[in-house]
Amino acid sequence: RLFSSSPARASSHGPSYDPPTGWLFGVKPGEKYQSEGWEAPFFYGFCGSIAVFLVAYAYKPDTSIQTWALEEARRRLEVEGILEDPEKK
């Protein structure tokens, strides 16, 4: 810390190490896992936001330069009479 007026201090708020218990997620075999209060809202919020994103992505307009160029070329060829207007059939 080159340009600091306060000294560097280590935080000491107690031990933060959880020793391994040997059980996956701390649940012993034969016991039923009890979900915590934040798990259901997190799951439904996460999956719901992904679903909304996928629907929005599926219906987004095509703004690529290739699509614009194809439509512009077709419009110009129709004006010049080289290409028939598909709407007139």
C-alpha atoms as a PDB file:
ATOM      1  CA  ARG A   1       0.000   0.000   0.000  1.00  0.00           C
ATOM      2  CA  LEU A   2       2.087   2.809  -1.288  1.00  0.00           C
ATOM      3  CA  PHE A   3      -0.257   5.787  -1.002  1.00  0.00           C
ATOM      4  CA  SER A   4      -2.351   4.941   2.039  1.00  0.00           C
ATOM      5  CA  SER A   5      -2.518   6.817   5.309  1.00  0.00           C
ATOM      6  CA  SER A   6      -4.030   3.898   7.217  1.00  0.00           C
ATOM      7  CA  PRO A   7      -2.031   0.783   8.024  1.00  0.00           C
ATOM      8  CA  ALA A   8      -2.903  -2.566   6.499  1.00  0.00           C
ATOM      9  CA  ARG A   9      -4.880  -4.672   8.961  1.00  0.00           C
ATOM     10  CA  ALA A  10      -5.932  -8.272   8.879  1.00  0.00           C
ATOM     11  CA  SER A  11      -9.570  -8.988   9.591  1.00  0.00           C
ATOM     12  CA  SER A  12     -10.161 -11.258  12.535  1.00  0.00           C
ATOM     13  CA  HIS A  13     -13.791 -12.118  13.082  1.00  0.00           C
ATOM     14  CA  GLY A  14     -13.441 -15.715  14.150  1.00  0.00           C
ATOM     15  CA  PRO A  15     -12.602 -18.971  12.446  1.00  0.00           C
ATOM     16  CA  SER A  16     -14.000 -19.314   8.950  1.00  0.00           C
ATOM     17  CA  TYR A  17     -12.905 -22.890   8.320  1.00  0.00           C
ATOM     18  CA  ASP A  18     -15.539 -25.616   8.327  1.00  0.00           C
ATOM     19  CA  PRO A  19     -13.882 -28.972   8.777  1.00  0.00           C
ATOM     20  CA  PRO A  20     -15.095 -31.691   6.408  1.00  0.00           C
ATOM     21  CA  THR A  21     -17.805 -33.956   7.811  1.00  0.00           C
ATOM     22  CA  GLY A  22     -17.577 -36.608   5.115  1.00  0.00           C
ATOM     23  CA  TRP A  23     -21.226 -36.270   4.021  1.00  0.00           C
ATOM     24  CA  LEU A  24     -22.357 -34.625   0.793  1.00  0.00           C
ATOM     25  CA  PHE A  25     -23.944 -31.255   1.678  1.00  0.00           C
ATOM     26  CA  GLY A  26     -23.760 -32.276   5.339  1.00  0.00           C
ATOM     27  CA  VAL A  27     -26.694 -34.708   4.992  1.00  0.00           C
ATOM     28  CA  LYS A  28     -26.177 -38.160   6.429  1.00  0.00           C
ATOM     29  CA  PRO A  29     -27.420 -41.157   4.421  1.00  0.00           C
ATOM     30  CA  GLY A  30     -31.045 -41.949   5.195  1.00  0.00           C
ATOM     31  CA  GLU A  31     -31.914 -38.408   6.296  1.00  0.00           C
ATOM     32  CA  LYS A  32     -34.124 -36.200   4.153  1.00  0.00           C
ATOM     33  CA  TYR A  33     -32.584 -32.976   2.883  1.00  0.00           C
ATOM     34  CA  GLN A  34     -34.426 -29.892   4.100  1.00  0.00           C
ATOM     35  CA  SER A  35     -34.137 -27.007   1.695  1.00  0.00           C
ATOM     36  CA  GLU A  36     -33.319 -23.560   2.959  1.00  0.00           C
ATOM     37  CA  GLY A  37     -35.612 -20.582   2.510  1.00  0.00           C
ATOM     38  CA  TRP A  38     -33.660 -18.963  -0.307  1.00  0.00           C
ATOM     39  CA  GLU A  39     -33.401 -22.014  -2.561  1.00  0.00           C
ATOM     40  CA  ALA A  40     -36.928 -22.081  -4.061  1.00  0.00           C
ATOM     41  CA  PRO A  41     -37.112 -18.342  -4.923  1.00  0.00           C
ATOM     42  CA  PHE A  42     -33.603 -18.511  -6.366  1.00  0.00           C
ATOM     43  CA  PHE A  43     -34.431 -21.558  -8.504  1.00  0.00           C
ATOM     44  CA  TYR A  44     -37.720 -20.179  -9.857  1.00  0.00           C
ATOM     45  CA  GLY A  45     -36.265 -16.702 -10.353  1.00  0.00           C
ATOM     46  CA  PHE A  46     -33.229 -18.035 -12.190  1.00  0.00           C
ATOM     47  CA  CYS A  47     -35.192 -20.432 -14.414  1.00  0.00           C
ATOM     48  CA  GLY A  48     -37.902 -17.837 -15.022  1.00  0.00           C
ATOM     49  CA  SER A  49     -35.417 -15.207 -16.093  1.00  0.00           C
ATOM     50  CA  ILE A  50     -33.779 -17.660 -18.494  1.00  0.00           C
ATOM     51  CA  ALA A  51     -37.201 -18.520 -19.965  1.00  0.00           C
ATOM     52  CA  VAL A  52     -38.036 -14.827 -20.449  1.00  0.00           C
ATOM     53  CA  PHE A  53     -34.653 -14.247 -22.090  1.00  0.00           C
ATOM     54  CA  LEU A  54     -35.135 -17.168 -24.493  1.00  0.00           C
ATOM     55  CA  VAL A  55     -38.596 -15.976 -25.539  1.00  0.00           C
ATOM     56  CA  ALA A  56     -37.338 -12.424 -26.038  1.00  0.00           C
ATOM     57  CA  TYR A  57     -34.348 -13.696 -28.019  1.00  0.00           C
ATOM     58  CA  ALA A  58     -36.575 -15.840 -30.246  1.00  0.00           C
ATOM     59  CA  TYR A  59     -38.788 -12.871 -31.161  1.00  0.00           C
ATOM     60  CA  LYS A  60     -36.106 -10.219 -31.567  1.00  0.00           C
ATOM     61  CA  PRO A  61     -36.102  -8.431 -34.918  1.00  0.00           C
ATOM     62  CA  ASP A  62     -33.554  -9.365 -37.564  1.00  0.00           C
ATOM     63  CA  THR A  63     -31.253  -6.351 -37.867  1.00  0.00           C
ATOM     64  CA  SER A  64     -28.371  -7.966 -39.724  1.00  0.00           C
ATOM     65  CA  ILE A  65     -26.748  -6.132 -42.615  1.00  0.00           C
ATOM     66  CA  GLN A  66     -27.255  -9.165 -44.864  1.00  0.00           C
ATOM     67  CA  THR A  67     -31.032  -9.085 -44.432  1.00  0.00           C
ATOM     68  CA  TRP A  68     -31.159  -5.354 -45.052  1.00  0.00           C
ATOM     69  CA  ALA A  69     -28.978  -5.676 -48.176  1.00  0.00           C
ATOM     70  CA  LEU A  70     -31.123  -8.492 -49.585  1.00  0.00           C
ATOM     71  CA  GLU A  71     -34.329  -6.496 -49.074  1.00  0.00           C
ATOM     72  CA  GLU A  72     -32.771  -3.356 -50.548  1.00  0.00           C
ATOM     73  CA  ALA A  73     -31.480  -5.232 -53.619  1.00  0.00           C
ATOM     74  CA  ARG A  74     -34.877  -6.852 -54.150  1.00  0.00           C
ATOM     75  CA  ARG A  75     -36.607  -3.463 -53.836  1.00  0.00           C
ATOM     76  CA  ARG A  76     -34.249  -1.858 -56.362  1.00  0.00           C
ATOM     77  CA  LEU A  77     -34.659  -4.728 -58.838  1.00  0.00           C
ATOM     78  CA  GLU A  78     -38.446  -4.430 -58.544  1.00  0.00           C
ATOM     79  CA  VAL A  79     -38.259  -0.668 -59.220  1.00  0.00           C
ATOM     80  CA  GLU A  80     -36.116  -1.272 -62.326  1.00  0.00           C
ATOM     81  CA  GLY A  81     -38.521  -3.965 -63.552  1.00  0.00           C
ATOM     82  CA  ILE A  82     -35.941  -6.748 -63.580  1.00  0.00           C
ATOM     83  CA  LEU A  83     -37.669  -8.682 -60.816  1.00  0.00           C
ATOM     84  CA  GLU A  84     -41.424  -9.160 -60.456  1.00  0.00           C
ATOM     85  CA  ASP A  85     -43.212  -7.881 -57.381  1.00  0.00           C
ATOM     86  CA  PRO A  86     -44.343 -10.974 -55.426  1.00  0.00           C
ATOM     87  CA  GLU A  87     -47.316  -9.020 -54.010  1.00  0.00           C
ATOM     88  CA  LYS A  88     -48.953  -8.572 -57.449  1.00  0.00           C
ATOM     89  CA  LYS A  89     -49.701 -12.262 -58.037  1.00  0.00           C
END
